[in-house]
Structures are given as structure tokens and as C-alpha cells.
Amino acid sequence: MSELVRTVVLRLVEDPSQVQVTEKVDGSVVTVEVRVAPEDMGRVIGKGGRVINAIRTIAKVAATKENVKVFVEVV
């Protein structure tokens, strides 16, 4: 799950060296935390949260195939 999110986020940011994606698994719940440079935060969140919501949707579709719940958080 984290590799999918990392791939999408790396395409969005200007400073890919600052991208950190961590994954925490608790049973059938996966939490993916994304950290980016402060100047790239707006690119990842998007206007009105549209970009991060799209990333969450992509992750949820992939999680459905693996029968887990996924939460994507920008920290």
C-alpha cells in the first residue's frame, strides 16, 4: 500500500528527497502516513483537498482487493 502512495506522491512534489511514507498495520487496518517538504504540502493536498482525496480513493481501491481498510494521512 505504501509503495502505491509513494509512487503517486513522488510524481506530484518538486523535492522527492523529502518524501517519507510509512505504513502501520493493525490487523486489517493499514495507516499510511505521508511526510513531504512544507513547500510541497499544497501540491499533495490540492485545492479543497481534491488531490489527497484522489490519492485516498486509489489506495482504497487497492485495499479492497486485499480485504483491508486503508487510511492515508498527510503529516
PDB file of N, CA and C in Angstrom:
ATOM      1  N   MET A   1       0.817  -1.191   0.000  1.00  0.00           N
ATOM      2  CA  MET A   1       0.000   0.000   0.000  1.00  0.00           C
ATOM      3  C   MET A   1       0.864   1.258   0.000  1.00  0.00           C
ATOM      4  N   SER A   2       1.915   1.240   0.811  1.00  0.00           N
ATOM      5  CA  SER A   2       2.759   2.430   0.910  1.00  0.00           C
ATOM      6  C   SER A   2       3.506   2.705  -0.396  1.00  0.00           C
ATOM      7  N   GLU A   3       3.865   1.670  -1.119  1.00  0.00           N
ATOM      8  CA  GLU A   3       4.571   1.875  -2.388  1.00  0.00           C
ATOM      9  C   GLU A   3       3.662   2.535  -3.424  1.00  0.00           C
ATOM     10  N   LEU A   4       2.398   2.183  -3.417  1.00  0.00           N
ATOM     11  CA  LEU A   4       1.442   2.808  -4.327  1.00  0.00           C
ATOM     12  C   LEU A   4       1.314   4.299  -4.017  1.00  0.00           C
ATOM     13  N   VAL A   5       1.147   4.630  -2.745  1.00  0.00           N
ATOM     14  CA  VAL A   5       1.020   6.026  -2.340  1.00  0.00           C
ATOM     15  C   VAL A   5       2.315   6.772  -2.636  1.00  0.00           C
ATOM     16  N   ARG A   6       3.471   6.150  -2.351  1.00  0.00           N
ATOM     17  CA  ARG A   6       4.765   6.785  -2.610  1.00  0.00           C
ATOM     18  C   ARG A   6       4.920   7.112  -4.101  1.00  0.00           C
ATOM     19  N   THR A   7       4.531   6.204  -4.963  1.00  0.00           N
ATOM     20  CA  THR A   7       4.654   6.416  -6.397  1.00  0.00           C
ATOM     21  C   THR A   7       3.848   7.633  -6.852  1.00  0.00           C
ATOM     22  N   VAL A   8       2.639   7.752  -6.349  1.00  0.00           N
ATOM     23  CA  VAL A   8       1.790   8.887  -6.732  1.00  0.00           C
ATOM     24  C   VAL A   8       2.358  10.192  -6.182  1.00  0.00           C
ATOM     25  N   VAL A   9       2.744  10.192  -4.914  1.00  0.00           N
ATOM     26  CA  VAL A   9       3.227  11.420  -4.274  1.00  0.00           C
ATOM     27  C   VAL A   9       4.532  11.897  -4.913  1.00  0.00           C
ATOM     28  N   LEU A  10       5.414  10.970  -5.256  1.00  0.00           N
ATOM     29  CA  LEU A  10       6.689  11.363  -5.870  1.00  0.00           C
ATOM     30  C   LEU A  10       6.485  12.095  -7.191  1.00  0.00           C
ATOM     31  N   ARG A  11       5.415  11.774  -7.901  1.00  0.00           N
ATOM     32  CA  ARG A  11       5.127  12.444  -9.179  1.00  0.00           C
ATOM     33  C   ARG A  11       4.597  13.854  -8.976  1.00  0.00           C
ATOM     34  N   LEU A  12       4.103  14.153  -7.772  1.00  0.00           N
ATOM     35  CA  LEU A  12       3.476  15.450  -7.503  1.00  0.00           C
ATOM     36  C   LEU A  12       4.439  16.504  -6.970  1.00  0.00           C
ATOM     37  N   VAL A  13       5.432  16.091  -6.214  1.00  0.00           N
ATOM     38  CA  VAL A  13       6.261  17.038  -5.476  1.00  0.00           C
ATOM     39  C   VAL A  13       7.444  17.534  -6.304  1.00  0.00           C
ATOM     40  N   GLU A  14       7.986  18.680  -5.883  1.00  0.00           N
ATOM     41  CA  GLU A  14       9.182  19.217  -6.531  1.00  0.00           C
ATOM     42  C   GLU A  14      10.455  18.686  -5.891  1.00  0.00           C
ATOM     43  N   ASP A  15      10.391  18.301  -4.606  1.00  0.00           N
ATOM     44  CA  ASP A  15      11.559  17.813  -3.880  1.00  0.00           C
ATOM     45  C   ASP A  15      11.317  16.372  -3.419  1.00  0.00           C
ATOM     46  N   PRO A  16      11.545  15.388  -4.310  1.00  0.00           N
ATOM     47  CA  PRO A  16      11.255  13.995  -3.967  1.00  0.00           C
ATOM     48  C   PRO A  16      12.136  13.450  -2.841  1.00  0.00           C
ATOM     49  N   SER A  17      13.266  14.089  -2.556  1.00  0.00           N
ATOM     50  CA  SER A  17      14.139  13.584  -1.487  1.00  0.00           C
ATOM     51  C   SER A  17      13.519  13.794  -0.106  1.00  0.00           C
ATOM     52  N   GLN A  18      12.541  14.678   0.015  1.00  0.00           N
ATOM     53  CA  GLN A  18      11.891  14.959   1.290  1.00  0.00           C
ATOM     54  C   GLN A  18      10.664  14.079   1.553  1.00  0.00           C
ATOM     55  N   VAL A  19      10.306  13.233   0.614  1.00  0.00           N
ATOM     56  CA  VAL A  19       9.113  12.401   0.762  1.00  0.00           C
ATOM     57  C   VAL A  19       9.418  11.203   1.651  1.00  0.00           C
ATOM     58  N   GLN A  20       8.589  11.041   2.686  1.00  0.00           N
ATOM     59  CA  GLN A  20       8.684   9.884   3.580  1.00  0.00           C
ATOM     60  C   GLN A  20       7.296   9.277   3.690  1.00  0.00           C
ATOM     61  N   VAL A  21       7.198   7.996   3.401  1.00  0.00           N
ATOM     62  CA  VAL A  21       5.926   7.291   3.502  1.00  0.00           C
ATOM     63  C   VAL A  21       6.127   6.117   4.449  1.00  0.00           C
ATOM     64  N   THR A  22       5.342   6.089   5.530  1.00  0.00           N
ATOM     65  CA  THR A  22       5.420   4.994   6.487  1.00  0.00           C
ATOM     66  C   THR A  22       4.072   4.297   6.548  1.00  0.00           C
ATOM     67  N   GLU A  23       4.124   3.022   6.840  1.00  0.00           N
ATOM     68  CA  GLU A  23       2.921   2.197   6.880  1.00  0.00           C
ATOM     69  C   GLU A  23       2.827   1.512   8.231  1.00  0.00           C
ATOM     70  N   LYS A  24       1.662   1.626   8.864  1.00  0.00           N
ATOM     71  CA  LYS A  24       1.411   0.950  10.136  1.00  0.00           C
ATOM     72  C   LYS A  24       0.246  -0.009   9.934  1.00  0.00           C
ATOM     73  N   VAL A  25       0.457  -1.272  10.307  1.00  0.00           N
ATOM     74  CA  VAL A  25      -0.571  -2.289  10.134  1.00  0.00           C
ATOM     75  C   VAL A  25      -1.091  -2.700  11.502  1.00  0.00           C
ATOM     76  N   ASP A  26      -2.412  -2.672  11.648  1.00  0.00           N
ATOM     77  CA  ASP A  26      -3.061  -3.098  12.888  1.00  0.00           C
ATOM     78  C   ASP A  26      -4.206  -4.028  12.504  1.00  0.00           C
ATOM     79  N   GLY A  27      -3.898  -5.300  12.401  1.00  0.00           N
ATOM     80  CA  GLY A  27      -4.904  -6.271  11.968  1.00  0.00           C
ATOM     81  C   GLY A  27      -5.243  -6.066  10.510  1.00  0.00           C
ATOM     82  N   SER A  28      -6.504  -5.720  10.245  1.00  0.00           N
ATOM     83  CA  SER A  28      -6.925  -5.498   8.862  1.00  0.00           C
ATOM     84  C   SER A  28      -7.027  -4.013   8.531  1.00  0.00           C
ATOM     85  N   VAL A  29      -6.377  -3.175   9.354  1.00  0.00           N
ATOM     86  CA  VAL A  29      -6.383  -1.731   9.126  1.00  0.00           C
ATOM     87  C   VAL A  29      -4.952  -1.267   8.841  1.00  0.00           C
ATOM     88  N   VAL A  30      -4.769  -0.588   7.731  1.00  0.00           N
ATOM     89  CA  VAL A  30      -3.463  -0.077   7.341  1.00  0.00           C
ATOM     90  C   VAL A  30      -3.532   1.453   7.345  1.00  0.00           C
ATOM     91  N   THR A  31      -2.592   2.081   8.051  1.00  0.00           N
ATOM     92  CA  THR A  31      -2.497   3.532   8.063  1.00  0.00           C
ATOM     93  C   THR A  31      -1.217   3.926   7.346  1.00  0.00           C
ATOM     94  N   VAL A  32      -1.345   4.750   6.319  1.00  0.00           N
ATOM     95  CA  VAL A  32      -0.200   5.230   5.549  1.00  0.00           C
ATOM     96  C   VAL A  32      -0.005   6.704   5.872  1.00  0.00           C
ATOM     97  N   GLU A  33       1.158   7.047   6.416  1.00  0.00           N
ATOM     98  CA  GLU A  33       1.478   8.433   6.746  1.00  0.00           C
ATOM     99  C   GLU A  33       2.439   8.982   5.712  1.00  0.00           C
ATOM    100  N   VAL A  34       2.129  10.161   5.198  1.00  0.00           N
ATOM    101  CA  VAL A  34       2.943  10.802   4.163  1.00  0.00           C
ATOM    102  C   VAL A  34       3.518  12.095   4.732  1.00  0.00           C
ATOM    103  N   ARG A  35       4.831  12.235   4.624  1.00  0.00           N
ATOM    104  CA  ARG A  35       5.504  13.479   5.019  1.00  0.00           C
ATOM    105  C   ARG A  35       6.214  14.026   3.793  1.00  0.00           C
ATOM    106  N   VAL A  36       5.999  15.325   3.541  1.00  0.00           N
ATOM    107  CA  VAL A  36       6.654  15.995   2.415  1.00  0.00           C
ATOM    108  C   VAL A  36       7.222  17.315   2.908  1.00  0.00           C
ATOM    109  N   ALA A  37       8.023  17.959   2.074  1.00  0.00           N
ATOM    110  CA  ALA A  37       8.568  19.276   2.407  1.00  0.00           C
ATOM    111  C   ALA A  37       7.411  20.266   2.553  1.00  0.00           C
ATOM    112  N   PRO A  38       7.562  21.257   3.438  1.00  0.00           N
ATOM    113  CA  PRO A  38       6.473  22.227   3.654  1.00  0.00           C
ATOM    114  C   PRO A  38       6.004  22.919   2.374  1.00  0.00           C
ATOM    115  N   GLU A  39       6.914  23.208   1.467  1.00  0.00           N
ATOM    116  CA  GLU A  39       6.512  23.880   0.230  1.00  0.00           C
ATOM    117  C   GLU A  39       5.763  22.950  -0.728  1.00  0.00           C
ATOM    118  N   ASP A  40       5.835  21.640  -0.523  1.00  0.00           N
ATOM    119  CA  ASP A  40       5.111  20.682  -1.363  1.00  0.00           C
ATOM    120  C   ASP A  40       3.776  20.259  -0.750  1.00  0.00           C
ATOM    121  N   MET A  41       3.489  20.704   0.459  1.00  0.00           N
ATOM    122  CA  MET A  41       2.268  20.298   1.147  1.00  0.00           C
ATOM    123  C   MET A  41       1.024  20.664   0.337  1.00  0.00           C
ATOM    124  N   GLY A  42       1.008  21.842  -0.235  1.00  0.00           N
ATOM    125  CA  GLY A  42      -0.143  22.276  -1.027  1.00  0.00           C
ATOM    126  C   GLY A  42      -0.347  21.439  -2.270  1.00  0.00           C
ATOM    127  N   ARG A  43       0.729  20.975  -2.864  1.00  0.00           N
ATOM    128  CA  ARG A  43       0.624  20.138  -4.052  1.00  0.00           C
ATOM    129  C   ARG A  43       0.002  18.790  -3.725  1.00  0.00           C
ATOM    130  N   VAL A  44       0.337  18.247  -2.565  1.00  0.00           N
ATOM    131  CA  VAL A  44      -0.171  16.929  -2.177  1.00  0.00           C
ATOM    132  C   VAL A  44      -1.625  17.030  -1.714  1.00  0.00           C
ATOM    133  N   ILE A  45      -1.970  18.094  -1.002  1.00  0.00           N
ATOM    134  CA  ILE A  45      -3.338  18.247  -0.513  1.00  0.00           C
ATOM    135  C   ILE A  45      -4.260  18.730  -1.627  1.00  0.00           C
ATOM    136  N   GLY A  46      -3.818  19.708  -2.396  1.00  0.00           N
ATOM    137  CA  GLY A  46      -4.612  20.217  -3.508  1.00  0.00           C
ATOM    138  C   GLY A  46      -5.683  21.190  -3.052  1.00  0.00           C
ATOM    139  N   LYS A  47      -6.260  21.869  -3.996  1.00  0.00           N
ATOM    140  CA  LYS A  47      -7.287  22.863  -3.698  1.00  0.00           C
ATOM    141  C   LYS A  47      -8.539  22.158  -3.175  1.00  0.00           C
ATOM    142  N   GLY A  48      -8.919  22.514  -1.959  1.00  0.00           N
ATOM    143  CA  GLY A  48     -10.085  21.893  -1.345  1.00  0.00           C
ATOM    144  C   GLY A  48      -9.886  20.432  -0.987  1.00  0.00           C
ATOM    145  N   GLY A  49      -8.629  19.967  -0.973  1.00  0.00           N
ATOM    146  CA  GLY A  49      -8.342  18.580  -0.624  1.00  0.00           C
ATOM    147  C   GLY A  49      -8.586  17.597  -1.746  1.00  0.00           C
ATOM    148  N   ARG A  50      -8.701  18.090  -2.962  1.00  0.00           N
ATOM    149  CA  ARG A  50      -9.024  17.197  -4.080  1.00  0.00           C
ATOM    150  C   ARG A  50      -7.938  16.179  -4.372  1.00  0.00           C
ATOM    151  N   VAL A  51      -6.682  16.594  -4.306  1.00  0.00           N
ATOM    152  CA  VAL A  51      -5.584  15.682  -4.657  1.00  0.00           C
ATOM    153  C   VAL A  51      -5.450  14.581  -3.616  1.00  0.00           C
ATOM    154  N   ILE A  52      -5.453  14.943  -2.322  1.00  0.00           N
ATOM    155  CA  ILE A  52      -5.315  13.918  -1.288  1.00  0.00           C
ATOM    156  C   ILE A  52      -6.526  12.988  -1.287  1.00  0.00           C
ATOM    157  N   ASN A  53      -7.703  13.511  -1.595  1.00  0.00           N
ATOM    158  CA  ASN A  53      -8.879  12.640  -1.685  1.00  0.00           C
ATOM    159  C   ASN A  53      -8.751  11.656  -2.843  1.00  0.00           C
ATOM    160  N   ALA A  54      -8.156  12.083  -3.937  1.00  0.00           N
ATOM    161  CA  ALA A  54      -7.932  11.182  -5.068  1.00  0.00           C
ATOM    162  C   ALA A  54      -6.924  10.100  -4.697  1.00  0.00           C
ATOM    163  N   ILE A  55      -5.877  10.482  -3.956  1.00  0.00           N
ATOM    164  CA  ILE A  55      -4.886   9.502  -3.508  1.00  0.00           C
ATOM    165  C   ILE A  55      -5.546   8.494  -2.570  1.00  0.00           C
ATOM    166  N   ARG A  56      -6.393   8.972  -1.675  1.00  0.00           N
ATOM    167  CA  ARG A  56      -7.113   8.081  -0.754  1.00  0.00           C
ATOM    168  C   ARG A  56      -8.012   7.119  -1.515  1.00  0.00           C
ATOM    169  N   THR A  57      -8.669   7.602  -2.555  1.00  0.00           N
ATOM    170  CA  THR A  57      -9.540   6.747  -3.358  1.00  0.00           C
ATOM    171  C   THR A  57      -8.748   5.647  -4.043  1.00  0.00           C
ATOM    172  N   ILE A  58      -7.605   5.992  -4.605  1.00  0.00           N
ATOM    173  CA  ILE A  58      -6.749   4.993  -5.251  1.00  0.00           C
ATOM    174  C   ILE A  58      -6.303   3.938  -4.236  1.00  0.00           C
ATOM    175  N   ALA A  59      -5.906   4.392  -3.050  1.00  0.00           N
ATOM    176  CA  ALA A  59      -5.454   3.458  -2.013  1.00  0.00           C
ATOM    177  C   ALA A  59      -6.600   2.559  -1.551  1.00  0.00           C
ATOM    178  N   LYS A  60      -7.804   3.105  -1.441  1.00  0.00           N
ATOM    179  CA  LYS A  60      -8.952   2.303  -1.005  1.00  0.00           C
ATOM    180  C   LYS A  60      -9.315   1.230  -2.022  1.00  0.00           C
ATOM    181  N   VAL A  61      -9.189   1.557  -3.296  1.00  0.00           N
ATOM    182  CA  VAL A  61      -9.461   0.565  -4.332  1.00  0.00           C
ATOM    183  C   VAL A  61      -8.461  -0.584  -4.232  1.00  0.00           C
ATOM    184  N   ALA A  62      -7.187  -0.253  -4.047  1.00  0.00           N
ATOM    185  CA  ALA A  62      -6.163  -1.292  -3.910  1.00  0.00           C
ATOM    186  C   ALA A  62      -6.382  -2.097  -2.631  1.00  0.00           C
ATOM    187  N   ALA A  63      -6.818  -1.437  -1.554  1.00  0.00           N
ATOM    188  CA  ALA A  63      -7.046  -2.120  -0.278  1.00  0.00           C
ATOM    189  C   ALA A  63      -8.228  -3.069  -0.363  1.00  0.00           C
ATOM    190  N   THR A  64      -9.224  -2.720  -1.143  1.00  0.00           N
ATOM    191  CA  THR A  64     -10.393  -3.578  -1.303  1.00  0.00           C
ATOM    192  C   THR A  64      -9.997  -4.932  -1.884  1.00  0.00           C
ATOM    193  N   LYS A  65      -9.049  -4.924  -2.802  1.00  0.00           N
ATOM    194  CA  LYS A  65      -8.585  -6.182  -3.393  1.00  0.00           C
ATOM    195  C   LYS A  65      -7.861  -7.059  -2.379  1.00  0.00           C
ATOM    196  N   GLU A  66      -7.280  -6.428  -1.354  1.00  0.00           N
ATOM    197  CA  GLU A  66      -6.549  -7.172  -0.326  1.00  0.00           C
ATOM    198  C   GLU A  66      -7.377  -7.377   0.938  1.00  0.00           C
ATOM    199  N   ASN A  67      -8.643  -6.980   0.904  1.00  0.00           N
ATOM    200  CA  ASN A  67      -9.562  -7.120   2.038  1.00  0.00           C
ATOM    201  C   ASN A  67      -9.056  -6.446   3.305  1.00  0.00           C
ATOM    202  N   VAL A  68      -8.551  -5.231   3.169  1.00  0.00           N
ATOM    203  CA  VAL A  68      -8.123  -4.437   4.326  1.00  0.00           C
ATOM    204  C   VAL A  68      -8.704  -3.036   4.190  1.00  0.00           C
ATOM    205  N   LYS A  69      -8.707  -2.295   5.289  1.00  0.00           N
ATOM    206  CA  LYS A  69      -9.094  -0.883   5.279  1.00  0.00           C
ATOM    207  C   LYS A  69      -7.828  -0.066   5.273  1.00  0.00           C
ATOM    208  N   VAL A  70      -7.823   1.027   4.549  1.00  0.00           N
ATOM    209  CA  VAL A  70      -6.636   1.872   4.492  1.00  0.00           C
ATOM    210  C   VAL A  70      -7.010   3.313   4.778  1.00  0.00           C
ATOM    211  N   PHE A  71      -6.139   3.976   5.531  1.00  0.00           N
ATOM    212  CA  PHE A  71      -6.272   5.396   5.816  1.00  0.00           C
ATOM    213  C   PHE A  71      -4.984   6.073   5.387  1.00  0.00           C
ATOM    214  N   VAL A  72      -5.083   7.157   4.628  1.00  0.00           N
ATOM    215  CA  VAL A  72      -3.922   7.902   4.176  1.00  0.00           C
ATOM    216  C   VAL A  72      -3.952   9.257   4.875  1.00  0.00           C
ATOM    217  N   GLU A  73      -2.870   9.573   5.595  1.00  0.00           N
ATOM    218  CA  GLU A  73      -2.784  10.819   6.335  1.00  0.00           C
ATOM    219  C   GLU A  73      -1.550  11.591   5.887  1.00  0.00           C
ATOM    220  N   VAL A  74      -1.712  12.903   5.739  1.00  0.00           N
ATOM    221  CA  VAL A  74      -0.571  13.775   5.460  1.00  0.00           C
ATOM    222  C   VAL A  74      -0.175  14.396   6.779  1.00  0.00           C
ATOM    223  N   VAL A  75       1.078  14.155   7.167  1.00  0.00           N
ATOM    224  CA  VAL A  75       1.560  14.633   8.462  1.00  0.00           C
ATOM    225  C   VAL A  75       2.530  15.777   8.252  1.00  0.00           C
TER     226      VAL A  75
END
